[in-house]
Amino acid sequence: MTTLSSPPGFRGGFRTDGDACAVYSEAAGIERRMPRAIAVPVDADDLAVLLGWAHRNQMPLIPRGSGSSMASGAIGDGVIVDVSRWRAIHPIDMQRKTICVEPGVLRGEVEAAARAHGLRFPVDPSSGAFCTIGGMAATNAAGSHSMHFGSMRPWVNSLTCMFAGGTRAEVRRGAPAPRAVPAIDRFLSIAHELIAEDHLGVIKNSSGYAVSEYRQSGDLVDLLVGSEGTLAFFVSVELSLATAPAATSSVLGTFTSLEQAVQAAMHARESGAVACELLDRTFLDVAAAGGATRLVPANTESALPAEVE
């Protein structure tokens, strides 16, 4: 394999050595793939240079934030583009309850900024302390509150994107799709041919592109969220925020079968629970073994903590 050289005019870091490639060859999952190079663009203009070079040389680019992906979305045979250092957080718009951030900002940082103003960001994956907003938008992340608030998609108002070749455009919910952007123009020319499979009642679907959501809303934001870096790079993300609850309470139920726990989850949701987690027998055994006192009844197969506001 020919060793790559830093693209002409690229100002950021560009490494092809084995040590750097090894660090970026894995994420949170079990798969491992050695990239061809690692690029760390300084800013959006620098990313445009990289995109133009990749387009001319037919070089795959893989966007990467904190690398918390379990499904190998942050690794690949190409150039890993690390945007985790893009961490600007703009002031909250209190009237609209929105916040605009760069893709490397952590979910926990958005939550802290929102809480300081009596607001919150309710999408809460288990990796929320260290996953990036760009990665959450790319994967349509969800969490224990998704049963009530939904996954990432409805909370994204706009995306400032960079497309193949380095074209930049803002895609905003409720606004016409930007034109004279080759990637968008190509998509809109075939949009009527898209086949949408509806999965009624499914809270989150990670299979392929969100064609069904796009067909229903007509908003390109819905298609871009969850596209895992295959359609565009996200330069900035505008998020909606919710009012923080005045108080919360939690309920813990134990069940002798998985079926009973599932039924209880349905009842919890119908009763107004906003968050729900299922802990199976194996998890409970591990938790019990870690303490001096065994709190889990021997005949318990699963436990279901639910949160109500």
C-alpha atoms as a PDB file:
ATOM      1  CA  MET A   1       0.000   0.000   0.000  1.00  0.00           C
ATOM      2  CA  THR A   2       1.357   3.427  -0.960  1.00  0.00           C
ATOM      3  CA  THR A   3       1.993   5.738   1.986  1.00  0.00           C
ATOM      4  CA  LEU A   4      -0.239   8.800   1.819  1.00  0.00           C
ATOM      5  CA  SER A   5       1.096  12.319   2.047  1.00  0.00           C
ATOM      6  CA  SER A   6      -0.678  15.224   3.702  1.00  0.00           C
ATOM      7  CA  PRO A   7      -3.059  16.878   1.197  1.00  0.00           C
ATOM      8  CA  PRO A   8      -1.686  20.095  -0.334  1.00  0.00           C
ATOM      9  CA  GLY A   9      -2.873  23.083   1.689  1.00  0.00           C
ATOM     10  CA  PHE A  10      -4.101  20.988   4.620  1.00  0.00           C
ATOM     11  CA  ARG A  11      -3.088  22.724   7.871  1.00  0.00           C
ATOM     12  CA  GLY A  12      -4.124  20.114  10.416  1.00  0.00           C
ATOM     13  CA  GLY A  13      -2.392  17.003  11.665  1.00  0.00           C
ATOM     14  CA  PHE A  14      -1.997  14.140   9.183  1.00  0.00           C
ATOM     15  CA  ARG A  15      -0.378  10.886  10.294  1.00  0.00           C
ATOM     16  CA  THR A  16       0.177   7.540   8.633  1.00  0.00           C
ATOM     17  CA  ASP A  17       2.500   5.905  11.168  1.00  0.00           C
ATOM     18  CA  GLY A  18       1.586   2.603  12.748  1.00  0.00           C
ATOM     19  CA  ASP A  19       1.167   3.967  16.265  1.00  0.00           C
ATOM     20  CA  ALA A  20      -1.402   6.565  15.257  1.00  0.00           C
ATOM     21  CA  CYS A  21      -3.281   4.180  12.975  1.00  0.00           C
ATOM     22  CA  ALA A  22      -3.389   1.542  15.710  1.00  0.00           C
ATOM     23  CA  VAL A  23      -5.000   3.987  18.147  1.00  0.00           C
ATOM     24  CA  TYR A  24      -7.751   4.755  15.634  1.00  0.00           C
ATOM     25  CA  SER A  25      -8.187   1.162  14.441  1.00  0.00           C
ATOM     26  CA  GLU A  26     -10.814   0.392  17.064  1.00  0.00           C
ATOM     27  CA  ALA A  27     -13.679   2.074  18.874  1.00  0.00           C
ATOM     28  CA  ALA A  28     -15.972   0.741  21.612  1.00  0.00           C
ATOM     29  CA  GLY A  29     -16.914  -2.412  19.712  1.00  0.00           C
ATOM     30  CA  ILE A  30     -14.937  -5.605  19.083  1.00  0.00           C
ATOM     31  CA  GLU A  31     -14.035  -4.991  15.438  1.00  0.00           C
ATOM     32  CA  ARG A  32     -10.609  -3.685  14.447  1.00  0.00           C
ATOM     33  CA  ARG A  33      -9.609  -2.102  11.105  1.00  0.00           C
ATOM     34  CA  MET A  34      -6.371  -0.310  10.350  1.00  0.00           C
ATOM     35  CA  PRO A  35      -7.003   3.045   8.636  1.00  0.00           C
ATOM     36  CA  ARG A  36      -4.766   4.419   5.911  1.00  0.00           C
ATOM     37  CA  ALA A  37      -4.196   7.716   7.726  1.00  0.00           C
ATOM     38  CA  ILE A  38      -5.468  10.001  10.486  1.00  0.00           C
ATOM     39  CA  ALA A  39      -6.457  13.597   9.704  1.00  0.00           C
ATOM     40  CA  VAL A  40      -7.250  16.231  12.330  1.00  0.00           C
ATOM     41  CA  PRO A  41      -8.589  19.332  10.521  1.00  0.00           C
ATOM     42  CA  VAL A  42      -8.141  22.679  12.232  1.00  0.00           C
ATOM     43  CA  ASP A  43     -11.482  24.161  11.148  1.00  0.00           C
ATOM     44  CA  ALA A  44     -14.192  23.955   8.486  1.00  0.00           C
ATOM     45  CA  ASP A  45     -11.975  25.514   5.808  1.00  0.00           C
ATOM     46  CA  ASP A  46      -9.348  22.888   6.536  1.00  0.00           C
ATOM     47  CA  LEU A  47     -11.981  20.165   6.280  1.00  0.00           C
ATOM     48  CA  ALA A  48     -13.008  21.556   2.886  1.00  0.00           C
ATOM     49  CA  VAL A  49      -9.416  21.111   1.665  1.00  0.00           C
ATOM     50  CA  LEU A  50      -9.445  17.521   2.893  1.00  0.00           C
ATOM     51  CA  LEU A  51     -12.817  16.800   1.270  1.00  0.00           C
ATOM     52  CA  GLY A  52     -11.674  18.222  -2.058  1.00  0.00           C
ATOM     53  CA  TRP A  53      -8.521  16.097  -1.971  1.00  0.00           C
ATOM     54  CA  ALA A  54     -10.488  12.963  -1.037  1.00  0.00           C
ATOM     55  CA  HIS A  55     -13.004  13.602  -3.832  1.00  0.00           C
ATOM     56  CA  ARG A  56     -10.275  13.960  -6.441  1.00  0.00           C
ATOM     57  CA  ASN A  57      -8.443  10.857  -5.244  1.00  0.00           C
ATOM     58  CA  GLN A  58     -11.520   8.717  -4.489  1.00  0.00           C
ATOM     59  CA  MET A  59     -10.317   8.314  -0.912  1.00  0.00           C
ATOM     60  CA  PRO A  60     -12.839   7.187   1.746  1.00  0.00           C
ATOM     61  CA  LEU A  61     -13.177   9.488   4.768  1.00  0.00           C
ATOM     62  CA  ILE A  62     -14.543   8.261   8.109  1.00  0.00           C
ATOM     63  CA  PRO A  63     -15.764  10.949  10.544  1.00  0.00           C
ATOM     64  CA  ARG A  64     -14.905  10.285  14.179  1.00  0.00           C
ATOM     65  CA  GLY A  65     -15.743  11.941  17.475  1.00  0.00           C
ATOM     66  CA  SER A  66     -14.933  10.245  20.784  1.00  0.00           C
ATOM     67  CA  GLY A  67     -14.968   6.762  19.254  1.00  0.00           C
ATOM     68  CA  SER A  68     -17.770   5.463  21.486  1.00  0.00           C
ATOM     69  CA  SER A  69     -19.472   3.629  18.626  1.00  0.00           C
ATOM     70  CA  MET A  70     -20.205  -0.054  19.293  1.00  0.00           C
ATOM     71  CA  ALA A  71     -21.178  -0.766  15.679  1.00  0.00           C
ATOM     72  CA  SER A  72     -17.851   0.117  13.995  1.00  0.00           C
ATOM     73  CA  GLY A  73     -19.092   3.423  12.585  1.00  0.00           C
ATOM     74  CA  ALA A  74     -15.911   5.245  13.660  1.00  0.00           C
ATOM     75  CA  ILE A  75     -13.382   2.897  12.022  1.00  0.00           C
ATOM     76  CA  GLY A  76     -12.691   1.825   8.457  1.00  0.00           C
ATOM     77  CA  ASP A  77     -10.314   1.380   5.538  1.00  0.00           C
ATOM     78  CA  GLY A  78      -9.727   5.018   4.673  1.00  0.00           C
ATOM     79  CA  VAL A  79      -8.705   8.255   6.347  1.00  0.00           C
ATOM     80  CA  ILE A  80     -10.115   8.743   9.834  1.00  0.00           C
ATOM     81  CA  VAL A  81     -11.139  12.387  10.277  1.00  0.00           C
ATOM     82  CA  ASP A  82     -11.042  13.337  13.945  1.00  0.00           C
ATOM     83  CA  VAL A  83     -13.317  16.311  14.699  1.00  0.00           C
ATOM     84  CA  SER A  84     -13.414  15.742  18.466  1.00  0.00           C
ATOM     85  CA  ARG A  85     -11.444  18.985  19.016  1.00  0.00           C
ATOM     86  CA  TRP A  86     -14.190  21.127  17.475  1.00  0.00           C
ATOM     87  CA  ARG A  87     -15.770  22.077  20.784  1.00  0.00           C
ATOM     88  CA  ALA A  88     -17.366  25.528  20.488  1.00  0.00           C
ATOM     89  CA  ILE A  89     -20.638  25.996  22.395  1.00  0.00           C
ATOM     90  CA  HIS A  90     -22.747  29.001  21.450  1.00  0.00           C
ATOM     91  CA  PRO A  91     -25.023  30.775  23.956  1.00  0.00           C
ATOM     92  CA  ILE A  92     -28.439  29.237  24.521  1.00  0.00           C
ATOM     93  CA  ASP A  93     -31.345  30.952  22.761  1.00  0.00           C
ATOM     94  CA  MET A  94     -33.749  31.085  25.710  1.00  0.00           C
ATOM     95  CA  GLN A  95     -36.687  32.279  23.611  1.00  0.00           C
ATOM     96  CA  ARG A  96     -36.446  29.337  21.210  1.00  0.00           C
ATOM     97  CA  LYS A  97     -34.909  26.921  23.749  1.00  0.00           C
ATOM     98  CA  THR A  98     -32.112  25.942  21.382  1.00  0.00           C
ATOM     99  CA  ILE A  99     -28.348  25.608  21.514  1.00  0.00           C
ATOM    100  CA  CYS A 100     -25.846  25.412  18.648  1.00  0.00           C
ATOM    101  CA  VAL A 101     -22.599  23.485  19.119  1.00  0.00           C
ATOM    102  CA  GLU A 102     -19.712  22.092  17.122  1.00  0.00           C
ATOM    103  CA  PRO A 103     -19.640  18.314  16.585  1.00  0.00           C
ATOM    104  CA  GLY A 104     -16.914  17.583  19.158  1.00  0.00           C
ATOM    105  CA  VAL A 105     -18.895  18.954  22.109  1.00  0.00           C
ATOM    106  CA  LEU A 106     -19.817  16.239  24.610  1.00  0.00           C
ATOM    107  CA  ARG A 107     -23.417  15.437  25.440  1.00  0.00           C
ATOM    108  CA  GLY A 108     -22.626  16.002  29.128  1.00  0.00           C
ATOM    109  CA  GLU A 109     -21.404  19.527  28.346  1.00  0.00           C
ATOM    110  CA  VAL A 110     -24.644  20.365  26.547  1.00  0.00           C
ATOM    111  CA  GLU A 111     -26.619  19.029  29.513  1.00  0.00           C
ATOM    112  CA  ALA A 112     -24.587  21.123  31.957  1.00  0.00           C
ATOM    113  CA  ALA A 113     -25.087  24.277  29.886  1.00  0.00           C
ATOM    114  CA  ALA A 114     -28.814  23.614  29.628  1.00  0.00           C
ATOM    115  CA  ARG A 115     -29.249  22.865  33.356  1.00  0.00           C
ATOM    116  CA  ALA A 116     -27.669  26.215  34.207  1.00  0.00           C
ATOM    117  CA  HIS A 117     -30.713  27.823  32.550  1.00  0.00           C
ATOM    118  CA  GLY A 118     -33.410  25.504  33.899  1.00  0.00           C
ATOM    119  CA  LEU A 119     -33.400  23.407  30.719  1.00  0.00           C
ATOM    120  CA  ARG A 120     -32.141  19.972  29.731  1.00  0.00           C
ATOM    121  CA  PHE A 121     -31.212  17.870  26.731  1.00  0.00           C
ATOM    122  CA  PRO A 122     -33.267  14.676  27.175  1.00  0.00           C
ATOM    123  CA  VAL A 123     -31.464  12.328  24.753  1.00  0.00           C
ATOM    124  CA  ASP A 124     -29.254  10.331  27.125  1.00  0.00           C
ATOM    125  CA  PRO A 125     -27.297   7.337  25.776  1.00  0.00           C
ATOM    126  CA  SER A 126     -25.302   5.344  28.326  1.00  0.00           C
ATOM    127  CA  SER A 127     -22.131   6.922  26.883  1.00  0.00           C
ATOM    128  CA  GLY A 128     -23.516  10.423  27.448  1.00  0.00           C
ATOM    129  CA  ALA A 129     -20.609  11.531  29.636  1.00  0.00           C
ATOM    130  CA  PHE A 130     -18.125  11.174  26.786  1.00  0.00           C
ATOM    131  CA  CYS A 131     -19.981  10.773  23.464  1.00  0.00           C
ATOM    132  CA  THR A 132     -20.031  13.767  21.104  1.00  0.00           C
ATOM    133  CA  ILE A 133     -23.051  15.600  19.729  1.00  0.00           C
ATOM    134  CA  GLY A 134     -21.778  15.026  16.180  1.00  0.00           C
ATOM    135  CA  GLY A 135     -21.635  11.304  16.831  1.00  0.00           C
ATOM    136  CA  MET A 136     -25.082  11.312  18.423  1.00  0.00           C
ATOM    137  CA  ALA A 137     -26.537  13.046  15.371  1.00  0.00           C
ATOM    138  CA  ALA A 138     -24.673  10.706  13.020  1.00  0.00           C
ATOM    139  CA  THR A 139     -26.062   7.602  14.752  1.00  0.00           C
ATOM    140  CA  ASN A 140     -29.484   8.906  15.807  1.00  0.00           C
ATOM    141  CA  ALA A 141     -28.535   8.069  19.383  1.00  0.00           C
ATOM    142  CA  ALA A 142     -31.114   7.178  21.988  1.00  0.00           C
ATOM    143  CA  GLY A 143     -31.182   6.259  25.673  1.00  0.00           C
ATOM    144  CA  SER A 144     -33.401   5.360  28.591  1.00  0.00           C
ATOM    145  CA  HIS A 145     -35.572   8.481  28.064  1.00  0.00           C
ATOM    146  CA  SER A 146     -36.281   7.685  24.408  1.00  0.00           C
ATOM    147  CA  MET A 147     -39.543   5.921  25.331  1.00  0.00           C
ATOM    148  CA  HIS A 148     -40.936   9.371  26.157  1.00  0.00           C
ATOM    149  CA  PHE A 149     -38.764  11.920  24.331  1.00  0.00           C
ATOM    150  CA  GLY A 150     -37.697   9.920  21.294  1.00  0.00           C
ATOM    151  CA  SER A 151     -34.193   9.510  19.868  1.00  0.00           C
ATOM    152  CA  MET A 152     -31.835  12.199  18.558  1.00  0.00           C
ATOM    153  CA  ARG A 153     -33.619  12.932  15.267  1.00  0.00           C
ATOM    154  CA  PRO A 154     -36.540  15.113  16.450  1.00  0.00           C
ATOM    155  CA  TRP A 155     -34.219  17.182  18.662  1.00  0.00           C
ATOM    156  CA  VAL A 156     -32.003  18.328  15.772  1.00  0.00           C
ATOM    157  CA  ASN A 157     -33.200  21.626  14.289  1.00  0.00           C
ATOM    158  CA  SER A 158     -30.435  22.202  11.773  1.00  0.00           C
ATOM    159  CA  LEU A 159     -27.138  20.825  10.541  1.00  0.00           C
ATOM    160  CA  THR A 160     -24.351  22.799   8.950  1.00  0.00           C
ATOM    161  CA  CYS A 161     -22.909  20.217   6.578  1.00  0.00           C
ATOM    162  CA  MET A 162     -19.930  19.759   4.321  1.00  0.00           C
ATOM    163  CA  PHE A 163     -20.463  17.482   1.346  1.00  0.00           C
ATOM    164  CA  ALA A 164     -18.215  15.645  -1.093  1.00  0.00           C
ATOM    165  CA  GLY A 165     -15.795  18.036  -2.758  1.00  0.00           C
ATOM    166  CA  GLY A 166     -15.983  20.548   0.106  1.00  0.00           C
ATOM    167  CA  THR A 167     -19.352  22.238  -0.555  1.00  0.00           C
ATOM    168  CA  ARG A 168     -20.858  23.721   2.586  1.00  0.00           C
ATOM    169  CA  ALA A 169     -24.558  24.319   3.328  1.00  0.00           C
ATOM    170  CA  GLU A 170     -26.982  24.624   6.226  1.00  0.00           C
ATOM    171  CA  VAL A 171     -29.879  22.177   6.227  1.00  0.00           C
ATOM    172  CA  ARG A 172     -32.646  23.479   8.488  1.00  0.00           C
ATOM    173  CA  ARG A 173     -35.849  21.807   9.567  1.00  0.00           C
ATOM    174  CA  GLY A 174     -38.904  23.429   7.982  1.00  0.00           C
ATOM    175  CA  ALA A 175     -36.849  25.369   5.411  1.00  0.00           C
ATOM    176  CA  PRO A 176     -36.406  24.561   1.710  1.00  0.00           C
ATOM    177  CA  ALA A 177     -33.451  22.338   0.927  1.00  0.00           C
ATOM    178  CA  PRO A 178     -30.413  24.379  -0.163  1.00  0.00           C
ATOM    179  CA  ARG A 179     -29.854  24.238  -3.906  1.00  0.00           C
ATOM    180  CA  ALA A 180     -26.764  24.490  -6.088  1.00  0.00           C
ATOM    181  CA  VAL A 181     -25.189  21.911  -3.798  1.00  0.00           C
ATOM    182  CA  PRO A 182     -24.312  18.956  -6.069  1.00  0.00           C
ATOM    183  CA  ALA A 183     -24.892  16.282  -3.428  1.00  0.00           C
ATOM    184  CA  ILE A 184     -28.306  17.682  -2.480  1.00  0.00           C
ATOM    185  CA  ASP A 185     -29.339  18.314  -6.080  1.00  0.00           C
ATOM    186  CA  ARG A 186     -28.500  14.706  -6.982  1.00  0.00           C
ATOM    187  CA  PHE A 187     -30.540  13.433  -4.070  1.00  0.00           C
ATOM    188  CA  LEU A 188     -33.576  15.595  -4.804  1.00  0.00           C
ATOM    189  CA  SER A 189     -33.526  14.438  -8.432  1.00  0.00           C
ATOM    190  CA  ILE A 190     -34.194  10.849  -7.310  1.00  0.00           C
ATOM    191  CA  ALA A 191     -36.146  11.500  -4.105  1.00  0.00           C
ATOM    192  CA  HIS A 192     -39.429  10.530  -5.745  1.00  0.00           C
ATOM    193  CA  GLU A 193     -37.998   7.068  -6.414  1.00  0.00           C
ATOM    194  CA  LEU A 194     -37.229   6.328  -2.790  1.00  0.00           C
ATOM    195  CA  ILE A 195     -39.085   3.420  -1.305  1.00  0.00           C
ATOM    196  CA  ALA A 196     -40.055   3.944   2.319  1.00  0.00           C
ATOM    197  CA  GLU A 197     -40.836   0.994   4.553  1.00  0.00           C
ATOM    198  CA  ASP A 198     -42.963   2.090   7.470  1.00  0.00           C
ATOM    199  CA  HIS A 199     -42.343   0.474  10.834  1.00  0.00           C
ATOM    200  CA  LEU A 200     -45.378   1.699  12.717  1.00  0.00           C
ATOM    201  CA  GLY A 201     -44.940   1.771  16.482  1.00  0.00           C
ATOM    202  CA  VAL A 202     -41.158   1.358  16.373  1.00  0.00           C
ATOM    203  CA  ILE A 203     -39.520   4.008  18.572  1.00  0.00           C
ATOM    204  CA  LYS A 204     -36.107   3.731  16.934  1.00  0.00           C
ATOM    205  CA  ASN A 205     -35.068   2.048  13.686  1.00  0.00           C
ATOM    206  CA  SER A 206     -31.354   1.893  12.817  1.00  0.00           C
ATOM    207  CA  SER A 207     -31.757  -0.079   9.589  1.00  0.00           C
ATOM    208  CA  GLY A 208     -30.452   1.926   6.640  1.00  0.00           C
ATOM    209  CA  TYR A 209     -31.327   5.545   5.958  1.00  0.00           C
ATOM    210  CA  ALA A 210     -34.360   7.254   7.504  1.00  0.00           C
ATOM    211  CA  VAL A 211     -36.252   7.223   4.214  1.00  0.00           C
ATOM    212  CA  SER A 212     -39.624   6.792   5.896  1.00  0.00           C
ATOM    213  CA  GLU A 213     -39.071   9.809   8.158  1.00  0.00           C
ATOM    214  CA  TYR A 214     -37.910  11.896   5.205  1.00  0.00           C
ATOM    215  CA  ARG A 215     -40.929  10.951   3.114  1.00  0.00           C
ATOM    216  CA  GLN A 216     -43.233  11.966   5.958  1.00  0.00           C
ATOM    217  CA  SER A 217     -41.574  15.286   6.835  1.00  0.00           C
ATOM    218  CA  GLY A 218     -39.831  16.352   3.628  1.00  0.00           C
ATOM    219  CA  ASP A 219     -36.955  17.611   5.815  1.00  0.00           C
ATOM    220  CA  LEU A 220     -33.433  16.599   4.775  1.00  0.00           C
ATOM    221  CA  VAL A 221     -32.453  16.915   8.439  1.00  0.00           C
ATOM    222  CA  ASP A 222     -34.372  13.717   9.097  1.00  0.00           C
ATOM    223  CA  LEU A 223     -32.434  11.859   6.408  1.00  0.00           C
ATOM    224  CA  LEU A 224     -29.029  13.188   7.478  1.00  0.00           C
ATOM    225  CA  VAL A 225     -29.482  12.310  11.146  1.00  0.00           C
ATOM    226  CA  GLY A 226     -28.530   8.656  11.459  1.00  0.00           C
ATOM    227  CA  SER A 227     -26.604   8.540   8.165  1.00  0.00           C
ATOM    228  CA  GLU A 228     -23.342   7.759  10.045  1.00  0.00           C
ATOM    229  CA  GLY A 229     -21.115  10.078   8.025  1.00  0.00           C
ATOM    230  CA  THR A 230     -21.984   8.540   4.659  1.00  0.00           C
ATOM    231  CA  LEU A 231     -23.848  11.590   3.320  1.00  0.00           C
ATOM    232  CA  ALA A 232     -22.111  14.577   4.914  1.00  0.00           C
ATOM    233  CA  PHE A 233     -19.802  15.866   7.628  1.00  0.00           C
ATOM    234  CA  PHE A 234     -21.553  17.829  10.373  1.00  0.00           C
ATOM    235  CA  VAL A 235     -19.792  21.120  11.091  1.00  0.00           C
ATOM    236  CA  SER A 236     -22.343  22.367  13.621  1.00  0.00           C
ATOM    237  CA  VAL A 237     -25.578  21.090  15.131  1.00  0.00           C
ATOM    238  CA  GLU A 238     -28.485  23.121  16.476  1.00  0.00           C
ATOM    239  CA  LEU A 239     -30.466  21.268  19.140  1.00  0.00           C
ATOM    240  CA  SER A 240     -33.804  21.838  20.803  1.00  0.00           C
ATOM    241  CA  LEU A 241     -33.881  21.774  24.605  1.00  0.00           C
ATOM    242  CA  ALA A 242     -36.660  20.872  27.028  1.00  0.00           C
ATOM    243  CA  THR A 243     -37.672  22.401  30.346  1.00  0.00           C
ATOM    244  CA  ALA A 244     -35.980  20.610  33.232  1.00  0.00           C
ATOM    245  CA  PRO A 245     -38.406  18.843  35.594  1.00  0.00           C
ATOM    246  CA  ALA A 246     -38.998  20.293  39.037  1.00  0.00           C
ATOM    247  CA  ALA A 247     -38.743  16.828  40.583  1.00  0.00           C
ATOM    248  CA  THR A 248     -38.432  13.173  39.633  1.00  0.00           C
ATOM    249  CA  SER A 249     -39.138   9.870  41.329  1.00  0.00           C
ATOM    250  CA  SER A 250     -38.035   6.326  40.558  1.00  0.00           C
ATOM    251  CA  VAL A 251     -39.725   2.965  40.937  1.00  0.00           C
ATOM    252  CA  LEU A 252     -37.891  -0.377  41.051  1.00  0.00           C
ATOM    253  CA  GLY A 253     -39.822  -3.544  40.257  1.00  0.00           C
ATOM    254  CA  THR A 254     -38.570  -7.141  40.302  1.00  0.00           C
ATOM    255  CA  PHE A 255     -40.006  -9.949  38.195  1.00  0.00           C
ATOM    256  CA  THR A 256     -39.638 -13.699  37.923  1.00  0.00           C
ATOM    257  CA  SER A 257     -39.690 -13.692  34.113  1.00  0.00           C
ATOM    258  CA  LEU A 258     -38.644 -11.492  31.221  1.00  0.00           C
ATOM    259  CA  GLU A 259     -42.209 -11.511  29.888  1.00  0.00           C
ATOM    260  CA  GLN A 260     -43.517  -9.984  33.132  1.00  0.00           C
ATOM    261  CA  ALA A 261     -40.862  -7.265  32.988  1.00  0.00           C
ATOM    262  CA  VAL A 262     -41.826  -6.387  29.395  1.00  0.00           C
ATOM    263  CA  GLN A 263     -45.495  -6.138  30.357  1.00  0.00           C
ATOM    264  CA  ALA A 264     -44.549  -3.890  33.282  1.00  0.00           C
ATOM    265  CA  ALA A 265     -42.551  -1.635  30.956  1.00  0.00           C
ATOM    266  CA  MET A 266     -45.653  -1.184  28.804  1.00  0.00           C
ATOM    267  CA  HIS A 267     -47.737  -0.297  31.850  1.00  0.00           C
ATOM    268  CA  ALA A 268     -45.032   2.089  33.098  1.00  0.00           C
ATOM    269  CA  ARG A 269     -45.054   3.959  29.803  1.00  0.00           C
ATOM    270  CA  GLU A 270     -48.850   4.184  29.758  1.00  0.00           C
ATOM    271  CA  SER A 271     -48.722   5.537  33.323  1.00  0.00           C
ATOM    272  CA  GLY A 272     -46.392   8.379  32.397  1.00  0.00           C
ATOM    273  CA  ALA A 273     -42.882   7.024  33.006  1.00  0.00           C
ATOM    274  CA  VAL A 274     -40.282   8.959  31.014  1.00  0.00           C
ATOM    275  CA  ALA A 275     -37.376   6.519  31.412  1.00  0.00           C
ATOM    276  CA  CYS A 276     -37.108   2.771  31.731  1.00  0.00           C
ATOM    277  CA  GLU A 277     -34.231   0.284  31.970  1.00  0.00           C
ATOM    278  CA  LEU A 278     -34.249  -3.521  32.053  1.00  0.00           C
ATOM    279  CA  LEU A 279     -31.596  -5.274  34.168  1.00  0.00           C
ATOM    280  CA  ASP A 280     -31.465  -9.016  33.554  1.00  0.00           C
ATOM    281  CA  ARG A 281     -30.452 -11.843  35.877  1.00  0.00           C
ATOM    282  CA  THR A 282     -26.812 -11.795  34.778  1.00  0.00           C
ATOM    283  CA  PHE A 283     -26.479  -8.056  35.426  1.00  0.00           C
ATOM    284  CA  LEU A 284     -28.133  -8.391  38.827  1.00  0.00           C
ATOM    285  CA  ASP A 285     -25.775 -11.217  39.810  1.00  0.00           C
ATOM    286  CA  VAL A 286     -22.757  -9.115  38.854  1.00  0.00           C
ATOM    287  CA  ALA A 287     -24.101  -6.132  40.807  1.00  0.00           C
ATOM    288  CA  ALA A 288     -24.863  -8.288  43.852  1.00  0.00           C
ATOM    289  CA  ALA A 289     -21.400  -9.859  43.818  1.00  0.00           C
ATOM    290  CA  GLY A 290     -19.815  -6.436  43.965  1.00  0.00           C
ATOM    291  CA  GLY A 291     -21.254  -5.529  47.363  1.00  0.00           C
ATOM    292  CA  ALA A 292     -21.153  -6.939  50.855  1.00  0.00           C
ATOM    293  CA  THR A 293     -24.922  -7.325  51.064  1.00  0.00           C
ATOM    294  CA  ARG A 294     -27.069  -9.263  48.618  1.00  0.00           C
ATOM    295  CA  LEU A 295     -30.125  -7.107  47.887  1.00  0.00           C
ATOM    296  CA  VAL A 296     -31.545  -9.165  45.000  1.00  0.00           C
ATOM    297  CA  PRO A 297     -34.025 -11.937  45.874  1.00  0.00           C
ATOM    298  CA  ALA A 298     -32.823 -15.342  44.707  1.00  0.00           C
ATOM    299  CA  ASN A 299     -35.910 -15.956  42.556  1.00  0.00           C
ATOM    300  CA  THR A 300     -35.677 -12.630  40.704  1.00  0.00           C
ATOM    301  CA  GLU A 301     -34.967 -12.945  36.980  1.00  0.00           C
ATOM    302  CA  SER A 302     -35.046  -9.260  36.068  1.00  0.00           C
ATOM    303  CA  ALA A 303     -35.500  -5.790  37.508  1.00  0.00           C
ATOM    304  CA  LEU A 304     -37.097  -2.765  35.901  1.00  0.00           C
ATOM    305  CA  PRO A 305     -36.253   0.729  37.207  1.00  0.00           C
ATOM    306  CA  ALA A 306     -38.625   3.395  35.859  1.00  0.00           C
ATOM    307  CA  GLU A 307     -38.456   7.176  36.284  1.00  0.00           C
ATOM    308  CA  VAL A 308     -41.477   9.458  36.542  1.00  0.00           C
ATOM    309  CA  GLU A 309     -41.536  13.238  36.415  1.00  0.00           C
END
